[in-house]
Amino acid sequence: MPPTWNGHPLRKDHPARATEMGPFQLSEEKEEKEQAALKFRPEDWGMKRVAEDSDFMFLNLGPSTRHP
């Protein structure tokens, strides 16, 4: 889950349907906060930059399922 998520979506006290929640509002302040949370910072994962012009590639390897 994103670091800005409060709670856990599989808990029984979390709404199961969108109709059980209020309308979604995304203010500019919240949008900036969410975008900052999505930014990949290699230092947070224990990686070190070799040079200022070096870059990292973040690969999200999710579950892989086979369908017959």
PDB file of N, CA and C in Angstrom:
ATOM      1  N   MET A   1       0.843  -1.172   0.000  1.00  0.00           N
ATOM      2  CA  MET A   1       0.000   0.000   0.000  1.00  0.00           C
ATOM      3  C   MET A   1       0.893   1.242   0.000  1.00  0.00           C
ATOM      4  N   PRO A   2       0.396   2.325  -0.564  1.00  0.00           N
ATOM      5  CA  PRO A   2       1.175   3.564  -0.542  1.00  0.00           C
ATOM      6  C   PRO A   2       1.404   4.034   0.898  1.00  0.00           C
ATOM      7  N   PRO A   3       2.502   4.739   1.141  1.00  0.00           N
ATOM      8  CA  PRO A   3       2.775   5.188   2.509  1.00  0.00           C
ATOM      9  C   PRO A   3       1.726   6.168   3.040  1.00  0.00           C
ATOM     10  N   THR A   4       0.951   6.774   2.168  1.00  0.00           N
ATOM     11  CA  THR A   4      -0.069   7.732   2.610  1.00  0.00           C
ATOM     12  C   THR A   4      -1.392   7.059   2.954  1.00  0.00           C
ATOM     13  N   TRP A   5      -1.500   5.749   2.733  1.00  0.00           N
ATOM     14  CA  TRP A   5      -2.743   5.019   2.999  1.00  0.00           C
ATOM     15  C   TRP A   5      -2.959   4.863   4.493  1.00  0.00           C
ATOM     16  N   ASN A   6      -4.154   5.159   4.957  1.00  0.00           N
ATOM     17  CA  ASN A   6      -4.504   4.964   6.354  1.00  0.00           C
ATOM     18  C   ASN A   6      -5.336   3.698   6.478  1.00  0.00           C
ATOM     19  N   GLY A   7      -4.913   2.807   7.368  1.00  0.00           N
ATOM     20  CA  GLY A   7      -5.654   1.564   7.559  1.00  0.00           C
ATOM     21  C   GLY A   7      -5.194   0.474   6.627  1.00  0.00           C
ATOM     22  N   HIS A   8      -6.070  -0.504   6.440  1.00  0.00           N
ATOM     23  CA  HIS A   8      -5.784  -1.618   5.548  1.00  0.00           C
ATOM     24  C   HIS A   8      -7.069  -1.984   4.810  1.00  0.00           C
ATOM     25  N   PRO A   9      -7.021  -2.117   3.487  1.00  0.00           N
ATOM     26  CA  PRO A   9      -8.235  -2.345   2.709  1.00  0.00           C
ATOM     27  C   PRO A   9      -8.929  -3.678   2.965  1.00  0.00           C
ATOM     28  N   LEU A  10      -8.231  -4.652   3.561  1.00  0.00           N
ATOM     29  CA  LEU A  10      -8.859  -5.949   3.796  1.00  0.00           C
ATOM     30  C   LEU A  10      -9.462  -6.083   5.191  1.00  0.00           C
ATOM     31  N   ARG A  11      -9.342  -5.049   6.010  1.00  0.00           N
ATOM     32  CA  ARG A  11      -9.950  -5.114   7.335  1.00  0.00           C
ATOM     33  C   ARG A  11     -11.458  -4.998   7.212  1.00  0.00           C
ATOM     34  N   LYS A  12     -12.169  -5.625   8.118  1.00  0.00           N
ATOM     35  CA  LYS A  12     -13.634  -5.625   8.075  1.00  0.00           C
ATOM     36  C   LYS A  12     -14.223  -4.230   8.283  1.00  0.00           C
ATOM     37  N   ASP A  13     -13.495  -3.331   8.963  1.00  0.00           N
ATOM     38  CA  ASP A  13     -14.030  -2.000   9.208  1.00  0.00           C
ATOM     39  C   ASP A  13     -13.796  -1.034   8.036  1.00  0.00           C
ATOM     40  N   HIS A  14     -13.089  -1.478   6.995  1.00  0.00           N
ATOM     41  CA  HIS A  14     -12.887  -0.650   5.798  1.00  0.00           C
ATOM     42  C   HIS A  14     -14.101  -0.817   4.879  1.00  0.00           C
ATOM     43  N   PRO A  15     -14.610   0.276   4.280  1.00  0.00           N
ATOM     44  CA  PRO A  15     -15.768   0.149   3.390  1.00  0.00           C
ATOM     45  C   PRO A  15     -15.508  -0.828   2.244  1.00  0.00           C
ATOM     46  N   ALA A  16     -16.479  -1.679   1.980  1.00  0.00           N
ATOM     47  CA  ALA A  16     -16.335  -2.678   0.926  1.00  0.00           C
ATOM     48  C   ALA A  16     -16.764  -2.133  -0.438  1.00  0.00           C
ATOM     49  N   ARG A  17     -17.571  -1.095  -0.441  1.00  0.00           N
ATOM     50  CA  ARG A  17     -18.078  -0.528  -1.694  1.00  0.00           C
ATOM     51  C   ARG A  17     -17.842   0.976  -1.722  1.00  0.00           C
ATOM     52  N   ALA A  18     -17.702   1.494  -2.908  1.00  0.00           N
ATOM     53  CA  ALA A  18     -17.500   2.934  -3.061  1.00  0.00           C
ATOM     54  C   ALA A  18     -18.721   3.716  -2.586  1.00  0.00           C
ATOM     55  N   THR A  19     -19.903   3.114  -2.651  1.00  0.00           N
ATOM     56  CA  THR A  19     -21.118   3.812  -2.216  1.00  0.00           C
ATOM     57  C   THR A  19     -21.150   3.992  -0.696  1.00  0.00           C
ATOM     58  N   GLU A  20     -20.294   3.281   0.022  1.00  0.00           N
ATOM     59  CA  GLU A  20     -20.215   3.420   1.475  1.00  0.00           C
ATOM     60  C   GLU A  20     -19.260   4.542   1.884  1.00  0.00           C
ATOM     61  N   MET A  21     -18.620   5.167   0.914  1.00  0.00           N
ATOM     62  CA  MET A  21     -17.661   6.241   1.180  1.00  0.00           C
ATOM     63  C   MET A  21     -18.204   7.538   0.591  1.00  0.00           C
ATOM     64  N   GLY A  22     -17.681   8.640   1.088  1.00  0.00           N
ATOM     65  CA  GLY A  22     -18.073   9.942   0.553  1.00  0.00           C
ATOM     66  C   GLY A  22     -17.450  10.171  -0.813  1.00  0.00           C
ATOM     67  N   PRO A  23     -17.857  11.248  -1.483  1.00  0.00           N
ATOM     68  CA  PRO A  23     -17.275  11.543  -2.798  1.00  0.00           C
ATOM     69  C   PRO A  23     -15.773  11.835  -2.682  1.00  0.00           C
ATOM     70  N   PHE A  24     -15.033  11.414  -3.688  1.00  0.00           N
ATOM     71  CA  PHE A  24     -13.587  11.602  -3.687  1.00  0.00           C
ATOM     72  C   PHE A  24     -13.253  13.049  -4.008  1.00  0.00           C
ATOM     73  N   GLN A  25     -12.406  13.635  -3.188  1.00  0.00           N
ATOM     74  CA  GLN A  25     -11.942  15.009  -3.388  1.00  0.00           C
ATOM     75  C   GLN A  25     -10.415  14.990  -3.368  1.00  0.00           C
ATOM     76  N   LEU A  26      -9.796  15.591  -4.363  1.00  0.00           N
ATOM     77  CA  LEU A  26      -8.337  15.665  -4.410  1.00  0.00           C
ATOM     78  C   LEU A  26      -7.924  17.124  -4.496  1.00  0.00           C
ATOM     79  N   SER A  27      -7.570  17.680  -3.358  1.00  0.00           N
ATOM     80  CA  SER A  27      -7.124  19.072  -3.332  1.00  0.00           C
ATOM     81  C   SER A  27      -5.697  19.142  -3.875  1.00  0.00           C
ATOM     82  N   GLU A  28      -5.250  20.354  -4.206  1.00  0.00           N
ATOM     83  CA  GLU A  28      -3.885  20.523  -4.714  1.00  0.00           C
ATOM     84  C   GLU A  28      -2.874  20.093  -3.666  1.00  0.00           C
ATOM     85  N   GLU A  29      -3.158  20.387  -2.403  1.00  0.00           N
ATOM     86  CA  GLU A  29      -2.248  20.021  -1.314  1.00  0.00           C
ATOM     87  C   GLU A  29      -2.112  18.503  -1.205  1.00  0.00           C
ATOM     88  N   LYS A  30      -3.239  17.793  -1.283  1.00  0.00           N
ATOM     89  CA  LYS A  30      -3.202  16.332  -1.195  1.00  0.00           C
ATOM     90  C   LYS A  30      -2.519  15.740  -2.428  1.00  0.00           C
ATOM     91  N   GLU A  31      -2.759  16.325  -3.593  1.00  0.00           N
ATOM     92  CA  GLU A  31      -2.124  15.833  -4.811  1.00  0.00           C
ATOM     93  C   GLU A  31      -0.599  15.951  -4.707  1.00  0.00           C
ATOM     94  N   GLU A  32      -0.111  17.086  -4.197  1.00  0.00           N
ATOM     95  CA  GLU A  32       1.332  17.269  -4.026  1.00  0.00           C
ATOM     96  C   GLU A  32       1.898  16.249  -3.046  1.00  0.00           C
ATOM     97  N   LYS A  33       1.161  15.987  -1.966  1.00  0.00           N
ATOM     98  CA  LYS A  33       1.602  15.012  -0.970  1.00  0.00           C
ATOM     99  C   LYS A  33       1.659  13.607  -1.572  1.00  0.00           C
ATOM    100  N   GLU A  34       0.642  13.246  -2.354  1.00  0.00           N
ATOM    101  CA  GLU A  34       0.616  11.920  -2.982  1.00  0.00           C
ATOM    102  C   GLU A  34       1.730  11.775  -4.011  1.00  0.00           C
ATOM    103  N   GLN A  35       1.978  12.809  -4.805  1.00  0.00           N
ATOM    104  CA  GLN A  35       3.047  12.754  -5.805  1.00  0.00           C
ATOM    105  C   GLN A  35       4.412  12.628  -5.139  1.00  0.00           C
ATOM    106  N   ALA A  36       4.609  13.343  -4.013  1.00  0.00           N
ATOM    107  CA  ALA A  36       5.881  13.247  -3.286  1.00  0.00           C
ATOM    108  C   ALA A  36       6.068  11.833  -2.733  1.00  0.00           C
ATOM    109  N   ALA A  37       4.982  11.193  -2.290  1.00  0.00           N
ATOM    110  CA  ALA A  37       5.063   9.837  -1.746  1.00  0.00           C
ATOM    111  C   ALA A  37       5.418   8.824  -2.826  1.00  0.00           C
ATOM    112  N   LEU A  38       5.080   9.105  -4.078  1.00  0.00           N
ATOM    113  CA  LEU A  38       5.378   8.192  -5.178  1.00  0.00           C
ATOM    114  C   LEU A  38       6.817   8.287  -5.669  1.00  0.00           C
ATOM    115  N   LYS A  39       7.512   9.358  -5.290  1.00  0.00           N
ATOM    116  CA  LYS A  39       8.878   9.563  -5.774  1.00  0.00           C
ATOM    117  C   LYS A  39       9.810   8.498  -5.191  1.00  0.00           C
ATOM    118  N   PHE A  40      10.572   7.869  -6.060  1.00  0.00           N
ATOM    119  CA  PHE A  40      11.504   6.822  -5.656  1.00  0.00           C
ATOM    120  C   PHE A  40      12.802   7.463  -5.185  1.00  0.00           C
ATOM    121  N   ARG A  41      13.177   7.206  -3.934  1.00  0.00           N
ATOM    122  CA  ARG A  41      14.423   7.710  -3.359  1.00  0.00           C
ATOM    123  C   ARG A  41      15.302   6.506  -3.016  1.00  0.00           C
ATOM    124  N   PRO A  42      16.322   6.240  -3.825  1.00  0.00           N
ATOM    125  CA  PRO A  42      17.166   5.061  -3.613  1.00  0.00           C
ATOM    126  C   PRO A  42      17.793   5.013  -2.217  1.00  0.00           C
ATOM    127  N   GLU A  43      18.082   6.167  -1.653  1.00  0.00           N
ATOM    128  CA  GLU A  43      18.704   6.220  -0.332  1.00  0.00           C
ATOM    129  C   GLU A  43      17.800   5.599   0.733  1.00  0.00           C
ATOM    130  N   ASP A  44      16.492   5.696   0.549  1.00  0.00           N
ATOM    131  CA  ASP A  44      15.542   5.095   1.490  1.00  0.00           C
ATOM    132  C   ASP A  44      15.615   3.571   1.474  1.00  0.00           C
ATOM    133  N   TRP A  45      16.172   3.001   0.403  1.00  0.00           N
ATOM    134  CA  TRP A  45      16.277   1.554   0.249  1.00  0.00           C
ATOM    135  C   TRP A  45      17.704   1.064   0.480  1.00  0.00           C
ATOM    136  N   GLY A  46      18.564   1.935   0.987  1.00  0.00           N
ATOM    137  CA  GLY A  46      19.936   1.552   1.297  1.00  0.00           C
ATOM    138  C   GLY A  46      20.876   1.575   0.110  1.00  0.00           C
ATOM    139  N   MET A  47      20.485   2.200  -0.988  1.00  0.00           N
ATOM    140  CA  MET A  47      21.340   2.278  -2.174  1.00  0.00           C
ATOM    141  C   MET A  47      22.129   3.582  -2.153  1.00  0.00           C
ATOM    142  N   LYS A  48      23.342   3.543  -2.678  1.00  0.00           N
ATOM    143  CA  LYS A  48      24.179   4.733  -2.715  1.00  0.00           C
ATOM    144  C   LYS A  48      24.445   5.115  -4.160  1.00  0.00           C
ATOM    145  N   ARG A  49      24.473   6.401  -4.396  1.00  0.00           N
ATOM    146  CA  ARG A  49      24.793   6.903  -5.733  1.00  0.00           C
ATOM    147  C   ARG A  49      26.308   6.894  -5.923  1.00  0.00           C
ATOM    148  N   VAL A  50      26.745   6.404  -7.070  1.00  0.00           N
ATOM    149  CA  VAL A  50      28.172   6.370  -7.384  1.00  0.00           C
ATOM    150  C   VAL A  50      28.619   7.751  -7.836  1.00  0.00           C
ATOM    151  N   ALA A  51      27.780   8.400  -8.625  1.00  0.00           N
ATOM    152  CA  ALA A  51      28.069   9.748  -9.123  1.00  0.00           C
ATOM    153  C   ALA A  51      26.760  10.522  -9.186  1.00  0.00           C
ATOM    154  N   GLU A  52      26.860  11.818  -9.256  1.00  0.00           N
ATOM    155  CA  GLU A  52      25.659  12.666  -9.283  1.00  0.00           C
ATOM    156  C   GLU A  52      24.815  12.407 -10.534  1.00  0.00           C
ATOM    157  N   ASP A  53      25.463  12.027 -11.636  1.00  0.00           N
ATOM    158  CA  ASP A  53      24.717  11.797 -12.875  1.00  0.00           C
ATOM    159  C   ASP A  53      24.245  10.351 -13.018  1.00  0.00           C
ATOM    160  N   SER A  54      24.485   9.503 -12.009  1.00  0.00           N
ATOM    161  CA  SER A  54      23.997   8.123 -12.082  1.00  0.00           C
ATOM    162  C   SER A  54      22.501   8.093 -11.776  1.00  0.00           C
ATOM    163  N   ASP A  55      21.852   7.062 -12.229  1.00  0.00           N
ATOM    164  CA  ASP A  55      20.418   6.957 -12.047  1.00  0.00           C
ATOM    165  C   ASP A  55      20.058   5.520 -11.698  1.00  0.00           C
ATOM    166  N   PHE A  56      18.889   5.340 -11.151  1.00  0.00           N
ATOM    167  CA  PHE A  56      18.399   4.021 -10.779  1.00  0.00           C
ATOM    168  C   PHE A  56      17.124   3.716 -11.551  1.00  0.00           C
ATOM    169  N   MET A  57      16.875   2.442 -11.750  1.00  0.00           N
ATOM    170  CA  MET A  57      15.622   2.018 -12.358  1.00  0.00           C
ATOM    171  C   MET A  57      14.899   1.159 -11.325  1.00  0.00           C
ATOM    172  N   PHE A  58      13.676   1.527 -11.013  1.00  0.00           N
ATOM    173  CA  PHE A  58      12.887   0.796 -10.033  1.00  0.00           C
ATOM    174  C   PHE A  58      11.973  -0.163 -10.773  1.00  0.00           C
ATOM    175  N   LEU A  59      12.178  -1.461 -10.565  1.00  0.00           N
ATOM    176  CA  LEU A  59      11.354  -2.474 -11.203  1.00  0.00           C
ATOM    177  C   LEU A  59      10.421  -3.079 -10.161  1.00  0.00           C
ATOM    178  N   ASN A  60       9.154  -2.956 -10.385  1.00  0.00           N
ATOM    179  CA  ASN A  60       8.168  -3.525  -9.475  1.00  0.00           C
ATOM    180  C   ASN A  60       7.788  -4.882 -10.024  1.00  0.00           C
ATOM    181  N   LEU A  61       8.265  -5.939  -9.375  1.00  0.00           N
ATOM    182  CA  LEU A  61       7.986  -7.305  -9.810  1.00  0.00           C
ATOM    183  C   LEU A  61       6.854  -7.864  -8.955  1.00  0.00           C
ATOM    184  N   GLY A  62       5.691  -7.889  -9.508  1.00  0.00           N
ATOM    185  CA  GLY A  62       4.532  -8.367  -8.766  1.00  0.00           C
ATOM    186  C   GLY A  62       4.341  -9.847  -8.933  1.00  0.00           C
ATOM    187  N   PRO A  63       3.264 -10.353  -8.376  1.00  0.00           N
ATOM    188  CA  PRO A  63       2.998 -11.776  -8.515  1.00  0.00           C
ATOM    189  C   PRO A  63       2.774 -12.149  -9.980  1.00  0.00           C
ATOM    190  N   SER A  64       3.210 -13.317 -10.314  1.00  0.00           N
ATOM    191  CA  SER A  64       3.057 -13.812 -11.671  1.00  0.00           C
ATOM    192  C   SER A  64       2.165 -15.055 -11.614  1.00  0.00           C
ATOM    193  N   THR A  65       1.063 -14.993 -12.321  1.00  0.00           N
ATOM    194  CA  THR A  65       0.154 -16.147 -12.320  1.00  0.00           C
ATOM    195  C   THR A  65       0.068 -16.727 -13.714  1.00  0.00           C
ATOM    196  N   ARG A  66      -0.188 -18.008 -13.758  1.00  0.00           N
ATOM    197  CA  ARG A  66      -0.358 -18.690 -15.031  1.00  0.00           C
ATOM    198  C   ARG A  66      -1.815 -19.073 -15.165  1.00  0.00           C
ATOM    199  N   HIS A  67      -2.373 -18.736 -16.272  1.00  0.00           N
ATOM    200  CA  HIS A  67      -3.761 -19.102 -16.553  1.00  0.00           C
ATOM    201  C   HIS A  67      -3.765 -20.222 -17.595  1.00  0.00           C
ATOM    202  N   PRO A  68      -4.468 -21.305 -17.300  1.00  0.00           N
ATOM    203  CA  PRO A  68      -4.482 -22.435 -18.255  1.00  0.00           C
ATOM    204  C   PRO A  68      -5.184 -22.078 -19.545  1.00  0.00           C
TER     205      PRO A  68
END
